[in-house]
């Protein structure tokens, strides 16, 4: 069992040590704001903050996140008014990307 602090909330998870943090966020916790892009950490769609540093969650094992302060796009503000959240929504509509990306986190 692993404990992750994500957006200020503690989560207890029973996942494999090497599972990418991206899949823990999306599949285990239902946090879809962090996106899958290239799968090799190049595009940045999966970026989260870990202890204040930008990290590509698609290639970051969950075991390395235990004990860290993790922040996702959902955690930037509760009302969706953070500039990064606003930019994501605006750019998603401009590009007319898939339904998932147009949805609010």
PDB file of N, CA and C in Angstrom:
ATOM      1  N   UNK A   1       0.850  -1.179   0.000  1.00  0.00           N
ATOM      2  CA  UNK A   1       0.000   0.000   0.000  1.00  0.00           C
ATOM      3  C   UNK A   1       0.893   1.238   0.000  1.00  0.00           C
ATOM      4  N   UNK A   2       0.578   2.155  -0.885  1.00  0.00           N
ATOM      5  CA  UNK A   2       1.357   3.389  -0.996  1.00  0.00           C
ATOM      6  C   UNK A   2       0.467   4.579  -0.663  1.00  0.00           C
ATOM      7  N   UNK A   3       1.056   5.582  -0.035  1.00  0.00           N
ATOM      8  CA  UNK A   3       0.333   6.812   0.266  1.00  0.00           C
ATOM      9  C   UNK A   3       0.903   7.925  -0.591  1.00  0.00           C
ATOM     10  N   UNK A   4       0.022   8.564  -1.348  1.00  0.00           N
ATOM     11  CA  UNK A   4       0.413   9.698  -2.181  1.00  0.00           C
ATOM     12  C   UNK A   4      -0.374  10.930  -1.750  1.00  0.00           C
ATOM     13  N   UNK A   5       0.320  12.047  -1.670  1.00  0.00           N
ATOM     14  CA  UNK A   5      -0.334  13.319  -1.372  1.00  0.00           C
ATOM     15  C   UNK A   5      -0.492  14.063  -2.701  1.00  0.00           C
ATOM     16  N   UNK A   6      -1.741  14.138  -3.152  1.00  0.00           N
ATOM     17  CA  UNK A   6      -2.037  14.751  -4.440  1.00  0.00           C
ATOM     18  C   UNK A   6      -3.007  15.899  -4.223  1.00  0.00           C
ATOM     19  N   UNK A   7      -2.580  17.089  -4.624  1.00  0.00           N
ATOM     20  CA  UNK A   7      -3.396  18.292  -4.452  1.00  0.00           C
ATOM     21  C   UNK A   7      -3.845  18.467  -3.009  1.00  0.00           C
ATOM     22  N   UNK A   8      -2.948  18.111  -2.088  1.00  0.00           N
ATOM     23  CA  UNK A   8      -3.207  18.292  -0.664  1.00  0.00           C
ATOM     24  C   UNK A   8      -4.003  17.189  -0.001  1.00  0.00           C
ATOM     25  N   UNK A   9      -4.388  16.170  -0.744  1.00  0.00           N
ATOM     26  CA  UNK A   9      -5.198  15.078  -0.198  1.00  0.00           C
ATOM     27  C   UNK A   9      -4.391  13.781  -0.227  1.00  0.00           C
ATOM     28  N   UNK A  10      -4.427  13.055   0.883  1.00  0.00           N
ATOM     29  CA  UNK A  10      -3.731  11.769   0.976  1.00  0.00           C
ATOM     30  C   UNK A  10      -4.569  10.672   0.334  1.00  0.00           C
ATOM     31  N   UNK A  11      -3.931   9.847  -0.478  1.00  0.00           N
ATOM     32  CA  UNK A  11      -4.588   8.722  -1.142  1.00  0.00           C
ATOM     33  C   UNK A  11      -3.812   7.454  -0.830  1.00  0.00           C
ATOM     34  N   UNK A  12      -4.518   6.416  -0.428  1.00  0.00           N
ATOM     35  CA  UNK A  12      -3.932   5.095  -0.192  1.00  0.00           C
ATOM     36  C   UNK A  12      -4.180   4.245  -1.433  1.00  0.00           C
ATOM     37  N   UNK A  13      -3.113   3.726  -2.018  1.00  0.00           N
ATOM     38  CA  UNK A  13      -3.234   2.978  -3.272  1.00  0.00           C
ATOM     39  C   UNK A  13      -2.473   1.662  -3.208  1.00  0.00           C
ATOM     40  N   UNK A  14      -3.078   0.650  -3.767  1.00  0.00           N
ATOM     41  CA  UNK A  14      -2.434  -0.651  -3.879  1.00  0.00           C
ATOM     42  C   UNK A  14      -2.112  -0.870  -5.355  1.00  0.00           C
ATOM     43  N   UNK A  15      -0.943  -0.363  -5.776  1.00  0.00           N
ATOM     44  CA  UNK A  15      -0.512  -0.449  -7.173  1.00  0.00           C
ATOM     45  C   UNK A  15       0.942  -0.919  -7.207  1.00  0.00           C
ATOM     46  N   UNK A  16       1.356  -1.381  -8.375  1.00  0.00           N
ATOM     47  CA  UNK A  16       2.737  -1.815  -8.562  1.00  0.00           C
ATOM     48  C   UNK A  16       3.698  -0.631  -8.435  1.00  0.00           C
ATOM     49  N   UNK A  17       4.874  -0.867  -7.872  1.00  0.00           N
ATOM     50  CA  UNK A  17       5.870   0.185  -7.660  1.00  0.00           C
ATOM     51  C   UNK A  17       6.244   0.921  -8.941  1.00  0.00           C
ATOM     52  N   UNK A  18       6.374   0.197 -10.025  1.00  0.00           N
ATOM     53  CA  UNK A  18       6.850   0.784 -11.277  1.00  0.00           C
ATOM     54  C   UNK A  18       5.734   1.344 -12.163  1.00  0.00           C
ATOM     55  N   UNK A  19       4.496   1.274 -11.702  1.00  0.00           N
ATOM     56  CA  UNK A  19       3.397   1.835 -12.486  1.00  0.00           C
ATOM     57  C   UNK A  19       3.637   3.329 -12.676  1.00  0.00           C
ATOM     58  N   UNK A  20       3.520   3.834 -13.906  1.00  0.00           N
ATOM     59  CA  UNK A  20       3.720   5.270 -14.115  1.00  0.00           C
ATOM     60  C   UNK A  20       2.684   6.089 -13.341  1.00  0.00           C
ATOM     61  N   UNK A  21       3.132   7.164 -12.760  1.00  0.00           N
ATOM     62  CA  UNK A  21       2.252   8.043 -11.998  1.00  0.00           C
ATOM     63  C   UNK A  21       1.055   8.489 -12.832  1.00  0.00           C
ATOM     64  N   UNK A  22       1.256   8.710 -14.118  1.00  0.00           N
ATOM     65  CA  UNK A  22       0.160   9.115 -15.003  1.00  0.00           C
ATOM     66  C   UNK A  22      -1.023   8.162 -14.892  1.00  0.00           C
ATOM     67  N   UNK A  23      -0.753   6.860 -14.922  1.00  0.00           N
ATOM     68  CA  UNK A  23      -1.846   5.879 -14.897  1.00  0.00           C
ATOM     69  C   UNK A  23      -2.476   5.771 -13.522  1.00  0.00           C
ATOM     70  N   UNK A  24      -1.697   6.043 -12.482  1.00  0.00           N
ATOM     71  CA  UNK A  24      -2.283   6.101 -11.137  1.00  0.00           C
ATOM     72  C   UNK A  24      -3.277   7.257 -11.082  1.00  0.00           C
ATOM     73  N   UNK A  25      -2.859   8.426 -11.566  1.00  0.00           N
ATOM     74  CA  UNK A  25      -3.736   9.597 -11.550  1.00  0.00           C
ATOM     75  C   UNK A  25      -5.006   9.353 -12.354  1.00  0.00           C
ATOM     76  N   UNK A  26      -4.844   8.887 -13.567  1.00  0.00           N
ATOM     77  CA  UNK A  26      -5.987   8.741 -14.475  1.00  0.00           C
ATOM     78  C   UNK A  26      -6.847   7.517 -14.165  1.00  0.00           C
ATOM     79  N   UNK A  27      -6.216   6.349 -14.097  1.00  0.00           N
ATOM     80  CA  UNK A  27      -6.983   5.110 -13.990  1.00  0.00           C
ATOM     81  C   UNK A  27      -7.399   4.757 -12.564  1.00  0.00           C
ATOM     82  N   UNK A  28      -6.544   5.027 -11.610  1.00  0.00           N
ATOM     83  CA  UNK A  28      -6.856   4.670 -10.224  1.00  0.00           C
ATOM     84  C   UNK A  28      -7.653   5.755  -9.506  1.00  0.00           C
ATOM     85  N   UNK A  29      -7.364   7.036  -9.833  1.00  0.00           N
ATOM     86  CA  UNK A  29      -8.007   8.138  -9.114  1.00  0.00           C
ATOM     87  C   UNK A  29      -8.999   8.932  -9.962  1.00  0.00           C
ATOM     88  N   UNK A  30      -9.067   8.655 -11.255  1.00  0.00           N
ATOM     89  CA  UNK A  30     -10.029   9.347 -12.112  1.00  0.00           C
ATOM     90  C   UNK A  30      -9.722  10.809 -12.366  1.00  0.00           C
ATOM     91  N   UNK A  31      -8.463  11.194 -12.230  1.00  0.00           N
ATOM     92  CA  UNK A  31      -8.039  12.578 -12.448  1.00  0.00           C
ATOM     93  C   UNK A  31      -7.569  12.703 -13.896  1.00  0.00           C
ATOM     94  N   UNK A  32      -8.434  13.144 -14.773  1.00  0.00           N
ATOM     95  CA  UNK A  32      -8.147  13.129 -16.204  1.00  0.00           C
ATOM     96  C   UNK A  32      -7.535  14.423 -16.733  1.00  0.00           C
ATOM     97  N   UNK A  33      -7.219  15.358 -15.871  1.00  0.00           N
ATOM     98  CA  UNK A  33      -6.566  16.587 -16.320  1.00  0.00           C
ATOM     99  C   UNK A  33      -5.163  16.350 -16.830  1.00  0.00           C
ATOM    100  N   UNK A  34      -4.477  15.403 -16.262  1.00  0.00           N
ATOM    101  CA  UNK A  34      -3.149  15.023 -16.724  1.00  0.00           C
ATOM    102  C   UNK A  34      -3.338  14.086 -17.904  1.00  0.00           C
ATOM    103  N   UNK A  35      -2.797  14.462 -19.047  1.00  0.00           N
ATOM    104  CA  UNK A  35      -3.088  13.750 -20.299  1.00  0.00           C
ATOM    105  C   UNK A  35      -1.969  12.806 -20.720  1.00  0.00           C
ATOM    106  N   UNK A  36      -2.342  11.779 -21.470  1.00  0.00           N
ATOM    107  CA  UNK A  36      -1.376  10.932 -22.146  1.00  0.00           C
ATOM    108  C   UNK A  36      -1.122  11.561 -23.507  1.00  0.00           C
ATOM    109  N   UNK A  37       0.143  11.716 -23.850  1.00  0.00           N
ATOM    110  CA  UNK A  37       0.498  12.265 -25.154  1.00  0.00           C
ATOM    111  C   UNK A  37       1.373  11.290 -25.908  1.00  0.00           C
ATOM    112  N   UNK A  38       2.670  11.466 -25.776  1.00  0.00           N
ATOM    113  CA  UNK A  38       3.615  10.650 -26.540  1.00  0.00           C
ATOM    114  C   UNK A  38       4.017   9.368 -25.813  1.00  0.00           C
ATOM    115  N   UNK A  39       3.930   9.352 -24.493  1.00  0.00           N
ATOM    116  CA  UNK A  39       4.308   8.174 -23.727  1.00  0.00           C
ATOM    117  C   UNK A  39       5.792   8.054 -23.411  1.00  0.00           C
ATOM    118  N   UNK A  40       6.599   9.025 -23.879  1.00  0.00           N
ATOM    119  CA  UNK A  40       8.045   8.976 -23.612  1.00  0.00           C
ATOM    120  C   UNK A  40       8.556  10.246 -22.939  1.00  0.00           C
ATOM    121  N   UNK A  41       7.645  11.088 -22.452  1.00  0.00           N
ATOM    122  CA  UNK A  41       8.043  12.276 -21.716  1.00  0.00           C
ATOM    123  C   UNK A  41       8.513  13.443 -22.560  1.00  0.00           C
ATOM    124  N   UNK A  42       8.244  13.426 -23.846  1.00  0.00           N
ATOM    125  CA  UNK A  42       8.709  14.494 -24.726  1.00  0.00           C
ATOM    126  C   UNK A  42       7.691  15.630 -24.885  1.00  0.00           C
ATOM    127  N   UNK A  43       6.406  15.295 -24.988  1.00  0.00           N
ATOM    128  CA  UNK A  43       5.409  16.300 -25.368  1.00  0.00           C
ATOM    129  C   UNK A  43       4.960  17.193 -24.213  1.00  0.00           C
ATOM    130  N   UNK A  44       4.998  16.691 -22.993  1.00  0.00           N
ATOM    131  CA  UNK A  44       4.626  17.488 -21.831  1.00  0.00           C
ATOM    132  C   UNK A  44       3.171  17.407 -21.422  1.00  0.00           C
ATOM    133  N   UNK A  45       2.345  16.671 -22.145  1.00  0.00           N
ATOM    134  CA  UNK A  45       0.924  16.575 -21.807  1.00  0.00           C
ATOM    135  C   UNK A  45       0.697  15.960 -20.428  1.00  0.00           C
ATOM    136  N   UNK A  46       1.633  15.186 -19.964  1.00  0.00           N
ATOM    137  CA  UNK A  46       1.494  14.463 -18.700  1.00  0.00           C
ATOM    138  C   UNK A  46       2.172  15.179 -17.527  1.00  0.00           C
ATOM    139  N   UNK A  47       2.588  16.412 -17.720  1.00  0.00           N
ATOM    140  CA  UNK A  47       3.366  17.116 -16.700  1.00  0.00           C
ATOM    141  C   UNK A  47       2.558  17.384 -15.439  1.00  0.00           C
ATOM    142  N   UNK A  48       3.172  17.092 -14.306  1.00  0.00           N
ATOM    143  CA  UNK A  48       2.649  17.428 -12.985  1.00  0.00           C
ATOM    144  C   UNK A  48       3.794  18.067 -12.204  1.00  0.00           C
ATOM    145  N   UNK A  49       3.470  18.645 -11.054  1.00  0.00           N
ATOM    146  CA  UNK A  49       4.515  19.164 -10.172  1.00  0.00           C
ATOM    147  C   UNK A  49       4.738  18.168  -9.045  1.00  0.00           C
ATOM    148  N   UNK A  50       5.991  17.866  -8.813  1.00  0.00           N
ATOM    149  CA  UNK A  50       6.364  17.048  -7.663  1.00  0.00           C
ATOM    150  C   UNK A  50       7.358  17.863  -6.856  1.00  0.00           C
ATOM    151  N   UNK A  51       6.946  18.184  -5.633  1.00  0.00           N
ATOM    152  CA  UNK A  51       7.733  19.063  -4.769  1.00  0.00           C
ATOM    153  C   UNK A  51       8.134  20.345  -5.505  1.00  0.00           C
ATOM    154  N   UNK A  52       7.194  20.881  -6.288  1.00  0.00           N
ATOM    155  CA  UNK A  52       7.397  22.144  -6.976  1.00  0.00           C
ATOM    156  C   UNK A  52       8.156  22.069  -8.286  1.00  0.00           C
ATOM    157  N   UNK A  53       8.568  20.874  -8.695  1.00  0.00           N
ATOM    158  CA  UNK A  53       9.323  20.700  -9.933  1.00  0.00           C
ATOM    159  C   UNK A  53       8.463  20.018 -10.987  1.00  0.00           C
ATOM    160  N   UNK A  54       8.562  20.472 -12.227  1.00  0.00           N
ATOM    161  CA  UNK A  54       7.823  19.847 -13.319  1.00  0.00           C
ATOM    162  C   UNK A  54       8.396  18.464 -13.605  1.00  0.00           C
ATOM    163  N   UNK A  55       7.501  17.483 -13.676  1.00  0.00           N
ATOM    164  CA  UNK A  55       7.885  16.089 -13.906  1.00  0.00           C
ATOM    165  C   UNK A  55       6.930  15.494 -14.932  1.00  0.00           C
ATOM    166  N   UNK A  56       7.454  14.694 -15.833  1.00  0.00           N
ATOM    167  CA  UNK A  56       6.637  13.986 -16.817  1.00  0.00           C
ATOM    168  C   UNK A  56       6.130  12.701 -16.164  1.00  0.00           C
ATOM    169  N   UNK A  57       4.855  12.667 -15.858  1.00  0.00           N
ATOM    170  CA  UNK A  57       4.293  11.557 -15.086  1.00  0.00           C
ATOM    171  C   UNK A  57       4.177  10.257 -15.870  1.00  0.00           C
ATOM    172  N   UNK A  58       4.275  10.307 -17.209  1.00  0.00           N
ATOM    173  CA  UNK A  58       4.173   9.072 -17.998  1.00  0.00           C
ATOM    174  C   UNK A  58       5.397   8.182 -17.821  1.00  0.00           C
ATOM    175  N   UNK A  59       6.497   8.761 -17.381  1.00  0.00           N
ATOM    176  CA  UNK A  59       7.723   7.977 -17.210  1.00  0.00           C
ATOM    177  C   UNK A  59       8.259   8.059 -15.778  1.00  0.00           C
ATOM    178  N   UNK A  60       7.402   8.452 -14.843  1.00  0.00           N
ATOM    179  CA  UNK A  60       7.793   8.600 -13.443  1.00  0.00           C
ATOM    180  C   UNK A  60       7.111   7.507 -12.627  1.00  0.00           C
ATOM    181  N   UNK A  61       7.880   6.567 -12.063  1.00  0.00           N
ATOM    182  CA  UNK A  61       7.263   5.469 -11.310  1.00  0.00           C
ATOM    183  C   UNK A  61       6.602   5.960 -10.024  1.00  0.00           C
ATOM    184  N   UNK A  62       5.462   5.393  -9.731  1.00  0.00           N
ATOM    185  CA  UNK A  62       4.693   5.826  -8.561  1.00  0.00           C
ATOM    186  C   UNK A  62       5.509   5.695  -7.274  1.00  0.00           C
ATOM    187  N   UNK A  63       6.372   4.706  -7.175  1.00  0.00           N
ATOM    188  CA  UNK A  63       7.161   4.523  -5.959  1.00  0.00           C
ATOM    189  C   UNK A  63       8.024   5.748  -5.666  1.00  0.00           C
ATOM    190  N   UNK A  64       8.473   6.447  -6.706  1.00  0.00           N
ATOM    191  CA  UNK A  64       9.299   7.643  -6.526  1.00  0.00           C
ATOM    192  C   UNK A  64       8.479   8.836  -6.049  1.00  0.00           C
ATOM    193  N   UNK A  65       7.157   8.740  -6.113  1.00  0.00           N
ATOM    194  CA  UNK A  65       6.288   9.835  -5.694  1.00  0.00           C
ATOM    195  C   UNK A  65       5.811   9.703  -4.252  1.00  0.00           C
ATOM    196  N   UNK A  66       6.047   8.558  -3.650  1.00  0.00           N
ATOM    197  CA  UNK A  66       5.627   8.348  -2.260  1.00  0.00           C
ATOM    198  C   UNK A  66       6.351   9.356  -1.367  1.00  0.00           C
ATOM    199  N   UNK A  67       5.594  10.052  -0.541  1.00  0.00           N
ATOM    200  CA  UNK A  67       6.161  11.043   0.377  1.00  0.00           C
ATOM    201  C   UNK A  67       6.337  12.421  -0.231  1.00  0.00           C
ATOM    202  N   UNK A  68       6.060  12.561  -1.521  1.00  0.00           N
ATOM    203  CA  UNK A  68       6.224  13.847  -2.199  1.00  0.00           C
ATOM    204  C   UNK A  68       4.905  14.614  -2.219  1.00  0.00           C
ATOM    205  N   UNK A  69       5.003  15.899  -2.493  1.00  0.00           N
ATOM    206  CA  UNK A  69       3.831  16.758  -2.665  1.00  0.00           C
ATOM    207  C   UNK A  69       3.555  16.847  -4.169  1.00  0.00           C
ATOM    208  N   UNK A  70       2.475  16.228  -4.613  1.00  0.00           N
ATOM    209  CA  UNK A  70       2.138  16.153  -6.031  1.00  0.00           C
ATOM    210  C   UNK A  70       1.014  17.131  -6.324  1.00  0.00           C
ATOM    211  N   UNK A  71       1.175  17.907  -7.386  1.00  0.00           N
ATOM    212  CA  UNK A  71       0.119  18.827  -7.796  1.00  0.00           C
ATOM    213  C   UNK A  71      -0.188  18.591  -9.269  1.00  0.00           C
ATOM    214  N   UNK A  72      -1.478  18.419  -9.563  1.00  0.00           N
ATOM    215  CA  UNK A  72      -1.940  18.246 -10.936  1.00  0.00           C
ATOM    216  C   UNK A  72      -2.649  19.519 -11.380  1.00  0.00           C
ATOM    217  N   UNK A  73      -3.064  19.573 -12.628  1.00  0.00           N
ATOM    218  CA  UNK A  73      -3.784  20.736 -13.128  1.00  0.00           C
ATOM    219  C   UNK A  73      -5.076  20.971 -12.334  1.00  0.00           C
ATOM    220  N   UNK A  74      -5.693  19.897 -11.873  1.00  0.00           N
ATOM    221  CA  UNK A  74      -6.905  20.044 -11.061  1.00  0.00           C
ATOM    222  C   UNK A  74      -6.627  20.804  -9.766  1.00  0.00           C
ATOM    223  N   UNK A  75      -5.418  20.674  -9.245  1.00  0.00           N
ATOM    224  CA  UNK A  75      -5.073  21.279  -7.968  1.00  0.00           C
ATOM    225  C   UNK A  75      -4.569  22.712  -8.050  1.00  0.00           C
ATOM    226  N   UNK A  76      -4.464  23.260  -9.251  1.00  0.00           N
ATOM    227  CA  UNK A  76      -3.966  24.630  -9.374  1.00  0.00           C
ATOM    228  C   UNK A  76      -4.945  25.641  -8.804  1.00  0.00           C
ATOM    229  N   UNK A  77      -6.240  25.401  -8.980  1.00  0.00           N
ATOM    230  CA  UNK A  77      -7.278  26.212  -8.332  1.00  0.00           C
ATOM    231  C   UNK A  77      -8.563  25.407  -8.333  1.00  0.00           C
ATOM    232  N   UNK A  78      -9.392  25.651  -7.347  1.00  0.00           N
ATOM    233  CA  UNK A  78     -10.645  24.909  -7.250  1.00  0.00           C
ATOM    234  C   UNK A  78     -11.719  25.444  -8.182  1.00  0.00           C
ATOM    235  N   UNK A  79     -11.581  26.685  -8.597  1.00  0.00           N
ATOM    236  CA  UNK A  79     -12.612  27.297  -9.449  1.00  0.00           C
ATOM    237  C   UNK A  79     -12.262  27.280 -10.937  1.00  0.00           C
ATOM    238  N   UNK A  80     -11.117  26.715 -11.305  1.00  0.00           N
ATOM    239  CA  UNK A  80     -10.736  26.644 -12.711  1.00  0.00           C
ATOM    240  C   UNK A  80     -10.243  27.953 -13.295  1.00  0.00           C
ATOM    241  N   UNK A  81      -9.906  28.919 -12.461  1.00  0.00           N
ATOM    242  CA  UNK A  81      -9.506  30.244 -12.934  1.00  0.00           C
ATOM    243  C   UNK A  81      -7.990  30.439 -13.021  1.00  0.00           C
ATOM    244  N   UNK A  82      -7.227  29.443 -12.643  1.00  0.00           N
ATOM    245  CA  UNK A  82      -5.772  29.561 -12.747  1.00  0.00           C
ATOM    246  C   UNK A  82      -5.411  29.737 -14.222  1.00  0.00           C
ATOM    247  N   UNK A  83      -4.431  30.581 -14.543  1.00  0.00           N
ATOM    248  CA  UNK A  83      -4.064  30.817 -15.948  1.00  0.00           C
ATOM    249  C   UNK A  83      -3.734  29.550 -16.734  1.00  0.00           C
ATOM    250  N   UNK A  84      -3.109  28.573 -16.114  1.00  0.00           N
ATOM    251  CA  UNK A  84      -2.797  27.324 -16.821  1.00  0.00           C
ATOM    252  C   UNK A  84      -4.086  26.569 -17.157  1.00  0.00           C
ATOM    253  N   UNK A  85      -5.027  26.522 -16.225  1.00  0.00           N
ATOM    254  CA  UNK A  85      -6.305  25.861 -16.480  1.00  0.00           C
ATOM    255  C   UNK A  85      -7.059  26.568 -17.610  1.00  0.00           C
ATOM    256  N   UNK A  86      -7.071  27.895 -17.569  1.00  0.00           N
ATOM    257  CA  UNK A  86      -7.758  28.667 -18.595  1.00  0.00           C
ATOM    258  C   UNK A  86      -7.116  28.458 -19.967  1.00  0.00           C
ATOM    259  N   UNK A  87      -5.788  28.492 -20.006  1.00  0.00           N
ATOM    260  CA  UNK A  87      -5.078  28.298 -21.277  1.00  0.00           C
ATOM    261  C   UNK A  87      -5.363  26.918 -21.842  1.00  0.00           C
ATOM    262  N   UNK A  88      -5.397  25.908 -20.986  1.00  0.00           N
ATOM    263  CA  UNK A  88      -5.668  24.551 -21.468  1.00  0.00           C
ATOM    264  C   UNK A  88      -7.045  24.476 -22.104  1.00  0.00           C
ATOM    265  N   UNK A  89      -8.034  25.051 -21.435  1.00  0.00           N
ATOM    266  CA  UNK A  89      -9.390  25.017 -21.975  1.00  0.00           C
ATOM    267  C   UNK A  89      -9.483  25.765 -23.302  1.00  0.00           C
ATOM    268  N   UNK A  90      -8.872  26.931 -23.366  1.00  0.00           N
ATOM    269  CA  UNK A  90      -8.910  27.731 -24.597  1.00  0.00           C
ATOM    270  C   UNK A  90      -8.211  27.005 -25.742  1.00  0.00           C
ATOM    271  N   UNK A  91      -7.037  26.471 -25.494  1.00  0.00           N
ATOM    272  CA  UNK A  91      -6.273  25.783 -26.549  1.00  0.00           C
ATOM    273  C   UNK A  91      -6.978  24.491 -26.977  1.00  0.00           C
ATOM    274  N   UNK A  92      -7.609  23.811 -26.046  1.00  0.00           N
ATOM    275  CA  UNK A  92      -8.321  22.586 -26.391  1.00  0.00           C
ATOM    276  C   UNK A  92      -9.440  22.887 -27.374  1.00  0.00           C
ATOM    277  N   UNK A  93     -10.162  23.943 -27.148  1.00  0.00           N
ATOM    278  CA  UNK A  93     -11.245  24.320 -28.054  1.00  0.00           C
ATOM    279  C   UNK A  93     -10.695  24.780 -29.396  1.00  0.00           C
ATOM    280  N   UNK A  94      -9.611  25.534 -29.380  1.00  0.00           N
ATOM    281  CA  UNK A  94      -9.011  26.019 -30.627  1.00  0.00           C
ATOM    282  C   UNK A  94      -8.608  24.868 -31.531  1.00  0.00           C
ATOM    283  N   UNK A  95      -8.035  23.839 -30.964  1.00  0.00           N
ATOM    284  CA  UNK A  95      -7.537  22.713 -31.752  1.00  0.00           C
ATOM    285  C   UNK A  95      -8.612  21.700 -32.067  1.00  0.00           C
ATOM    286  N   UNK A  96      -9.757  21.859 -31.439  1.00  0.00           N
ATOM    287  CA  UNK A  96     -10.865  20.923 -31.629  1.00  0.00           C
ATOM    288  C   UNK A  96     -10.400  19.485 -31.421  1.00  0.00           C
ATOM    289  N   UNK A  97      -9.740  19.298 -30.280  1.00  0.00           N
ATOM    290  CA  UNK A  97      -9.236  17.967 -29.963  1.00  0.00           C
ATOM    291  C   UNK A  97     -10.370  17.081 -29.482  1.00  0.00           C
ATOM    292  N   UNK A  98     -10.022  15.846 -29.136  1.00  0.00           N
ATOM    293  CA  UNK A  98     -11.026  14.867 -28.724  1.00  0.00           C
ATOM    294  C   UNK A  98     -11.859  15.298 -27.535  1.00  0.00           C
ATOM    295  N   UNK A  99     -12.971  14.630 -27.361  1.00  0.00           N
ATOM    296  CA  UNK A  99     -13.936  14.941 -26.309  1.00  0.00           C
ATOM    297  C   UNK A  99     -13.279  15.011 -24.938  1.00  0.00           C
ATOM    298  N   UNK A 100     -12.382  14.092 -24.643  1.00  0.00           N
ATOM    299  CA  UNK A 100     -11.747  14.043 -23.332  1.00  0.00           C
ATOM    300  C   UNK A 100     -11.009  15.344 -23.041  1.00  0.00           C
ATOM    301  N   UNK A 101     -10.288  15.873 -24.034  1.00  0.00           N
ATOM    302  CA  UNK A 101      -9.490  17.067 -23.813  1.00  0.00           C
ATOM    303  C   UNK A 101     -10.350  18.315 -23.670  1.00  0.00           C
ATOM    304  N   UNK A 102     -11.517  18.324 -24.277  1.00  0.00           N
ATOM    305  CA  UNK A 102     -12.395  19.480 -24.172  1.00  0.00           C
ATOM    306  C   UNK A 102     -13.119  19.483 -22.840  1.00  0.00           C
ATOM    307  N   UNK A 103     -13.208  18.349 -22.200  1.00  0.00           N
ATOM    308  CA  UNK A 103     -13.917  18.294 -20.933  1.00  0.00           C
ATOM    309  C   UNK A 103     -13.107  19.023 -19.870  1.00  0.00           C
ATOM    310  N   UNK A 104     -13.794  19.429 -18.846  1.00  0.00           N
ATOM    311  CA  UNK A 104     -13.124  20.112 -17.747  1.00  0.00           C
ATOM    312  C   UNK A 104     -12.378  19.072 -16.935  1.00  0.00           C
ATOM    313  N   UNK A 105     -11.101  19.115 -16.942  1.00  0.00           N
ATOM    314  CA  UNK A 105     -10.181  18.196 -16.266  1.00  0.00           C
ATOM    315  C   UNK A 105     -10.810  16.849 -16.230  1.00  0.00           C
TER     316      UNK A 105
END
